[in-house]
């Protein structure tokens, strides 16, 4: 995580993670590393209400 709500991440937020807790109304800027693969990746919200309603996105990785 690079920032949370436009500020530097806390000690528990910093570093590489595969999931983050993001309460309603908050924003996070994240860095993602894709190595050795180009194409589409799927990301989705683990909030069950959102997941059930198909709130997902495609990320296209190109070089």
PDB file of N, CA and C in Angstrom:
ATOM      1  N   UNK A   1       0.851  -1.164   0.000  1.00  0.00           N
ATOM      2  CA  UNK A   1       0.000   0.000   0.000  1.00  0.00           C
ATOM      3  C   UNK A   1       0.901   1.233   0.000  1.00  0.00           C
ATOM      4  N   UNK A   2       0.591   2.147  -0.901  1.00  0.00           N
ATOM      5  CA  UNK A   2       1.371   3.378  -1.008  1.00  0.00           C
ATOM      6  C   UNK A   2       0.777   4.486  -0.157  1.00  0.00           C
ATOM      7  N   UNK A   3      -0.552   4.644  -0.215  1.00  0.00           N
ATOM      8  CA  UNK A   3      -1.230   5.660   0.596  1.00  0.00           C
ATOM      9  C   UNK A   3      -2.595   5.136   1.032  1.00  0.00           C
ATOM     10  N   UNK A   4      -3.084   5.685   2.123  1.00  0.00           N
ATOM     11  CA  UNK A   4      -4.461   5.459   2.577  1.00  0.00           C
ATOM     12  C   UNK A   4      -5.053   6.838   2.806  1.00  0.00           C
ATOM     13  N   UNK A   5      -6.128   7.132   2.089  1.00  0.00           N
ATOM     14  CA  UNK A   5      -6.777   8.449   2.170  1.00  0.00           C
ATOM     15  C   UNK A   5      -5.800   9.587   1.914  1.00  0.00           C
ATOM     16  N   UNK A   6      -4.883   9.383   0.962  1.00  0.00           N
ATOM     17  CA  UNK A   6      -3.951  10.424   0.552  1.00  0.00           C
ATOM     18  C   UNK A   6      -2.770  10.624   1.481  1.00  0.00           C
ATOM     19  N   UNK A   7      -2.638   9.797   2.491  1.00  0.00           N
ATOM     20  CA  UNK A   7      -1.541   9.928   3.455  1.00  0.00           C
ATOM     21  C   UNK A   7      -0.688   8.668   3.437  1.00  0.00           C
ATOM     22  N   UNK A   8       0.507   8.796   3.996  1.00  0.00           N
ATOM     23  CA  UNK A   8       1.393   7.635   4.098  1.00  0.00           C
ATOM     24  C   UNK A   8       0.702   6.535   4.898  1.00  0.00           C
ATOM     25  N   UNK A   9       0.933   5.282   4.529  1.00  0.00           N
ATOM     26  CA  UNK A   9       0.288   4.186   5.253  1.00  0.00           C
ATOM     27  C   UNK A   9       0.832   4.059   6.674  1.00  0.00           C
ATOM     28  N   UNK A  10       0.009   3.520   7.564  1.00  0.00           N
ATOM     29  CA  UNK A  10       0.465   3.246   8.929  1.00  0.00           C
ATOM     30  C   UNK A  10       1.447   2.082   8.896  1.00  0.00           C
ATOM     31  N   UNK A  11       2.061   1.809  10.028  1.00  0.00           N
ATOM     32  CA  UNK A  11       3.019   0.703  10.105  1.00  0.00           C
ATOM     33  C   UNK A  11       2.369  -0.624   9.738  1.00  0.00           C
ATOM     34  N   UNK A  12       1.110  -0.818  10.093  1.00  0.00           N
ATOM     35  CA  UNK A  12       0.437  -2.083   9.766  1.00  0.00           C
ATOM     36  C   UNK A  12      -0.029  -2.130   8.320  1.00  0.00           C
ATOM     37  N   UNK A  13      -0.197  -0.974   7.676  1.00  0.00           N
ATOM     38  CA  UNK A  13      -0.615  -0.936   6.275  1.00  0.00           C
ATOM     39  C   UNK A  13       0.549  -1.103   5.317  1.00  0.00           C
ATOM     40  N   UNK A  14       1.729  -0.686   5.694  1.00  0.00           N
ATOM     41  CA  UNK A  14       2.871  -0.672   4.787  1.00  0.00           C
ATOM     42  C   UNK A  14       3.314  -2.063   4.367  1.00  0.00           C
ATOM     43  N   UNK A  15       4.008  -2.131   3.252  1.00  0.00           N
ATOM     44  CA  UNK A  15       4.569  -3.391   2.783  1.00  0.00           C
ATOM     45  C   UNK A  15       3.654  -4.142   1.832  1.00  0.00           C
ATOM     46  N   UNK A  16       4.160  -5.292   1.340  1.00  0.00           N
ATOM     47  CA  UNK A  16       3.438  -6.105   0.373  1.00  0.00           C
ATOM     48  C   UNK A  16       2.324  -6.894   1.060  1.00  0.00           C
ATOM     49  N   UNK A  17       1.154  -6.870   0.455  1.00  0.00           N
ATOM     50  CA  UNK A  17       0.013  -7.609   0.975  1.00  0.00           C
ATOM     51  C   UNK A  17      -0.788  -8.160  -0.197  1.00  0.00           C
ATOM     52  N   UNK A  18      -1.584  -9.189   0.048  1.00  0.00           N
ATOM     53  CA  UNK A  18      -2.470  -9.663  -1.007  1.00  0.00           C
ATOM     54  C   UNK A  18      -3.904  -9.214  -0.771  1.00  0.00           C
ATOM     55  N   UNK A  19      -4.220  -8.699   0.417  1.00  0.00           N
ATOM     56  CA  UNK A  19      -5.535  -8.118   0.697  1.00  0.00           C
ATOM     57  C   UNK A  19      -5.357  -6.935   1.642  1.00  0.00           C
ATOM     58  N   UNK A  20      -6.293  -5.996   1.579  1.00  0.00           N
ATOM     59  CA  UNK A  20      -6.311  -4.883   2.527  1.00  0.00           C
ATOM     60  C   UNK A  20      -7.742  -4.670   2.994  1.00  0.00           C
ATOM     61  N   UNK A  21      -7.881  -4.200   4.221  1.00  0.00           N
ATOM     62  CA  UNK A  21      -9.193  -3.839   4.744  1.00  0.00           C
ATOM     63  C   UNK A  21      -9.421  -2.377   4.401  1.00  0.00           C
ATOM     64  N   UNK A  22     -10.508  -2.096   3.698  1.00  0.00           N
ATOM     65  CA  UNK A  22     -10.800  -0.742   3.245  1.00  0.00           C
ATOM     66  C   UNK A  22     -12.242  -0.415   3.599  1.00  0.00           C
ATOM     67  N   UNK A  23     -12.476   0.195   4.764  1.00  0.00           N
ATOM     68  CA  UNK A  23     -13.842   0.548   5.164  1.00  0.00           C
ATOM     69  C   UNK A  23     -14.492   1.524   4.188  1.00  0.00           C
ATOM     70  N   UNK A  24     -15.812   1.590   4.236  1.00  0.00           N
ATOM     71  CA  UNK A  24     -16.584   2.489   3.361  1.00  0.00           C
ATOM     72  C   UNK A  24     -16.063   3.915   3.476  1.00  0.00           C
ATOM     73  N   UNK A  25     -15.935   4.579   2.326  1.00  0.00           N
ATOM     74  CA  UNK A  25     -15.519   5.976   2.283  1.00  0.00           C
ATOM     75  C   UNK A  25     -14.013   6.187   2.293  1.00  0.00           C
ATOM     76  N   UNK A  26     -13.227   5.126   2.392  1.00  0.00           N
ATOM     77  CA  UNK A  26     -11.776   5.276   2.370  1.00  0.00           C
ATOM     78  C   UNK A  26     -11.231   4.967   0.985  1.00  0.00           C
ATOM     79  N   UNK A  27     -10.021   5.457   0.722  1.00  0.00           N
ATOM     80  CA  UNK A  27      -9.320   5.205  -0.530  1.00  0.00           C
ATOM     81  C   UNK A  27      -7.952   4.634  -0.225  1.00  0.00           C
ATOM     82  N   UNK A  28      -7.444   3.822  -1.132  1.00  0.00           N
ATOM     83  CA  UNK A  28      -6.085   3.302  -1.000  1.00  0.00           C
ATOM     84  C   UNK A  28      -5.423   3.332  -2.370  1.00  0.00           C
ATOM     85  N   UNK A  29      -4.162   3.724  -2.382  1.00  0.00           N
ATOM     86  CA  UNK A  29      -3.339   3.648  -3.583  1.00  0.00           C
ATOM     87  C   UNK A  29      -2.394   2.476  -3.369  1.00  0.00           C
ATOM     88  N   UNK A  30      -2.389   1.552  -4.319  1.00  0.00           N
ATOM     89  CA  UNK A  30      -1.587   0.339  -4.158  1.00  0.00           C
ATOM     90  C   UNK A  30      -0.652   0.162  -5.352  1.00  0.00           C
ATOM     91  N   UNK A  31       0.434  -0.548  -5.123  1.00  0.00           N
ATOM     92  CA  UNK A  31       1.359  -0.924  -6.189  1.00  0.00           C
ATOM     93  C   UNK A  31       1.242  -2.426  -6.373  1.00  0.00           C
ATOM     94  N   UNK A  32       1.200  -2.850  -7.624  1.00  0.00           N
ATOM     95  CA  UNK A  32       1.062  -4.268  -7.928  1.00  0.00           C
ATOM     96  C   UNK A  32       2.169  -4.661  -8.895  1.00  0.00           C
ATOM     97  N   UNK A  33       2.820  -5.783  -8.632  1.00  0.00           N
ATOM     98  CA  UNK A  33       3.895  -6.262  -9.501  1.00  0.00           C
ATOM     99  C   UNK A  33       3.401  -7.480 -10.272  1.00  0.00           C
ATOM    100  N   UNK A  34       3.461  -7.401 -11.592  1.00  0.00           N
ATOM    101  CA  UNK A  34       3.131  -8.528 -12.464  1.00  0.00           C
ATOM    102  C   UNK A  34       4.398  -8.898 -13.207  1.00  0.00           C
ATOM    103  N   UNK A  35       4.915 -10.097 -12.999  1.00  0.00           N
ATOM    104  CA  UNK A  35       6.140 -10.511 -13.683  1.00  0.00           C
ATOM    105  C   UNK A  35       5.880 -11.784 -14.479  1.00  0.00           C
ATOM    106  N   UNK A  36       6.430 -11.806 -15.680  1.00  0.00           N
ATOM    107  CA  UNK A  36       6.373 -13.012 -16.488  1.00  0.00           C
ATOM    108  C   UNK A  36       5.015 -13.330 -17.103  1.00  0.00           C
ATOM    109  N   UNK A  37       4.077 -12.399 -17.049  1.00  0.00           N
ATOM    110  CA  UNK A  37       2.769 -12.693 -17.621  1.00  0.00           C
ATOM    111  C   UNK A  37       2.131 -11.398 -18.093  1.00  0.00           C
ATOM    112  N   UNK A  38       1.605 -11.430 -19.298  1.00  0.00           N
ATOM    113  CA  UNK A  38       0.779 -10.336 -19.785  1.00  0.00           C
ATOM    114  C   UNK A  38      -0.599 -10.901 -20.063  1.00  0.00           C
ATOM    115  N   UNK A  39      -1.565 -10.073 -20.002  1.00  0.00           N
ATOM    116  CA  UNK A  39      -2.939 -10.510 -20.225  1.00  0.00           C
ATOM    117  C   UNK A  39      -3.868  -9.878 -19.212  1.00  0.00           C
ATOM    118  N   UNK A  40      -4.991 -10.529 -18.991  1.00  0.00           N
ATOM    119  CA  UNK A  40      -6.001  -9.982 -18.086  1.00  0.00           C
ATOM    120  C   UNK A  40      -5.984 -10.696 -16.737  1.00  0.00           C
ATOM    121  N   UNK A  41      -6.123  -9.897 -15.699  1.00  0.00           N
ATOM    122  CA  UNK A  41      -6.286 -10.395 -14.344  1.00  0.00           C
ATOM    123  C   UNK A  41      -7.628  -9.903 -13.831  1.00  0.00           C
ATOM    124  N   UNK A  42      -8.224 -10.639 -12.950  1.00  0.00           N
ATOM    125  CA  UNK A  42      -9.494 -10.259 -12.345  1.00  0.00           C
ATOM    126  C   UNK A  42      -9.228  -9.782 -10.926  1.00  0.00           C
ATOM    127  N   UNK A  43      -9.878  -8.692 -10.552  1.00  0.00           N
ATOM    128  CA  UNK A  43      -9.857  -8.287  -9.153  1.00  0.00           C
ATOM    129  C   UNK A  43     -11.294  -8.123  -8.700  1.00  0.00           C
ATOM    130  N   UNK A  44     -11.533  -8.369  -7.443  1.00  0.00           N
ATOM    131  CA  UNK A  44     -12.896  -8.220  -6.938  1.00  0.00           C
ATOM    132  C   UNK A  44     -12.879  -7.892  -5.468  1.00  0.00           C
ATOM    133  N   UNK A  45     -14.002  -7.400  -5.015  1.00  0.00           N
ATOM    134  CA  UNK A  45     -14.199  -7.007  -3.626  1.00  0.00           C
ATOM    135  C   UNK A  45     -14.623  -8.236  -2.823  1.00  0.00           C
ATOM    136  N   UNK A  46     -14.074  -8.379  -1.622  1.00  0.00           N
ATOM    137  CA  UNK A  46     -14.458  -9.496  -0.772  1.00  0.00           C
ATOM    138  C   UNK A  46     -15.591  -9.145   0.179  1.00  0.00           C
ATOM    139  N   UNK A  47     -16.148  -7.951   0.056  1.00  0.00           N
ATOM    140  CA  UNK A  47     -17.369  -7.610   0.787  1.00  0.00           C
ATOM    141  C   UNK A  47     -18.457  -8.469   0.166  1.00  0.00           C
ATOM    142  N   UNK A  48     -19.057  -9.349   0.935  1.00  0.00           N
ATOM    143  CA  UNK A  48     -19.983 -10.336   0.361  1.00  0.00           C
ATOM    144  C   UNK A  48     -21.105  -9.703  -0.448  1.00  0.00           C
ATOM    145  N   UNK A  49     -21.623  -8.583   0.014  1.00  0.00           N
ATOM    146  CA  UNK A  49     -22.683  -7.914  -0.747  1.00  0.00           C
ATOM    147  C   UNK A  49     -22.187  -7.495  -2.126  1.00  0.00           C
ATOM    148  N   UNK A  50     -20.978  -6.980  -2.188  1.00  0.00           N
ATOM    149  CA  UNK A  50     -20.412  -6.566  -3.472  1.00  0.00           C
ATOM    150  C   UNK A  50     -20.081  -7.771  -4.336  1.00  0.00           C
ATOM    151  N   UNK A  51     -19.484  -8.778  -3.730  1.00  0.00           N
ATOM    152  CA  UNK A  51     -19.093  -9.969  -4.490  1.00  0.00           C
ATOM    153  C   UNK A  51     -20.312 -10.635  -5.117  1.00  0.00           C
ATOM    154  N   UNK A  52     -21.390 -10.720  -4.365  1.00  0.00           N
ATOM    155  CA  UNK A  52     -22.613 -11.342  -4.880  1.00  0.00           C
ATOM    156  C   UNK A  52     -23.229 -10.560  -6.026  1.00  0.00           C
ATOM    157  N   UNK A  53     -22.959  -9.276  -6.087  1.00  0.00           N
ATOM    158  CA  UNK A  53     -23.515  -8.441  -7.154  1.00  0.00           C
ATOM    159  C   UNK A  53     -22.546  -8.254  -8.311  1.00  0.00           C
ATOM    160  N   UNK A  54     -21.484  -9.033  -8.320  1.00  0.00           N
ATOM    161  CA  UNK A  54     -20.558  -9.025  -9.454  1.00  0.00           C
ATOM    162  C   UNK A  54     -19.687  -7.813  -9.562  1.00  0.00           C
ATOM    163  N   UNK A  55     -19.389  -7.163  -8.456  1.00  0.00           N
ATOM    164  CA  UNK A  55     -18.545  -5.967  -8.506  1.00  0.00           C
ATOM    165  C   UNK A  55     -17.095  -6.400  -8.666  1.00  0.00           C
ATOM    166  N   UNK A  56     -16.714  -6.617  -9.909  1.00  0.00           N
ATOM    167  CA  UNK A  56     -15.378  -7.058 -10.254  1.00  0.00           C
ATOM    168  C   UNK A  56     -14.836  -6.179 -11.359  1.00  0.00           C
ATOM    169  N   UNK A  57     -13.547  -6.293 -11.602  1.00  0.00           N
ATOM    170  CA  UNK A  57     -12.921  -5.508 -12.665  1.00  0.00           C
ATOM    171  C   UNK A  57     -11.830  -6.339 -13.314  1.00  0.00           C
ATOM    172  N   UNK A  58     -11.560  -6.070 -14.586  1.00  0.00           N
ATOM    173  CA  UNK A  58     -10.449  -6.663 -15.313  1.00  0.00           C
ATOM    174  C   UNK A  58      -9.284  -5.690 -15.309  1.00  0.00           C
ATOM    175  N   UNK A  59      -8.083  -6.206 -15.123  1.00  0.00           N
ATOM    176  CA  UNK A  59      -6.869  -5.411 -15.224  1.00  0.00           C
ATOM    177  C   UNK A  59      -6.066  -5.985 -16.376  1.00  0.00           C
ATOM    178  N   UNK A  60      -5.781  -5.155 -17.378  1.00  0.00           N
ATOM    179  CA  UNK A  60      -4.995  -5.597 -18.527  1.00  0.00           C
ATOM    180  C   UNK A  60      -3.534  -5.249 -18.293  1.00  0.00           C
ATOM    181  N   UNK A  61      -2.655  -6.265 -18.330  1.00  0.00           N
ATOM    182  CA  UNK A  61      -1.218  -6.077 -18.122  1.00  0.00           C
ATOM    183  C   UNK A  61      -0.533  -6.192 -19.474  1.00  0.00           C
ATOM    184  N   UNK A  62       0.199  -5.157 -19.833  1.00  0.00           N
ATOM    185  CA  UNK A  62       0.944  -5.137 -21.107  1.00  0.00           C
ATOM    186  C   UNK A  62       2.393  -4.709 -20.821  1.00  0.00           C
ATOM    187  N   UNK A  63       3.259  -4.997 -21.743  1.00  0.00           N
ATOM    188  CA  UNK A  63       4.670  -4.576 -21.584  1.00  0.00           C
ATOM    189  C   UNK A  63       5.011  -3.589 -22.654  1.00  0.00           C
TER     190      UNK A  63
END
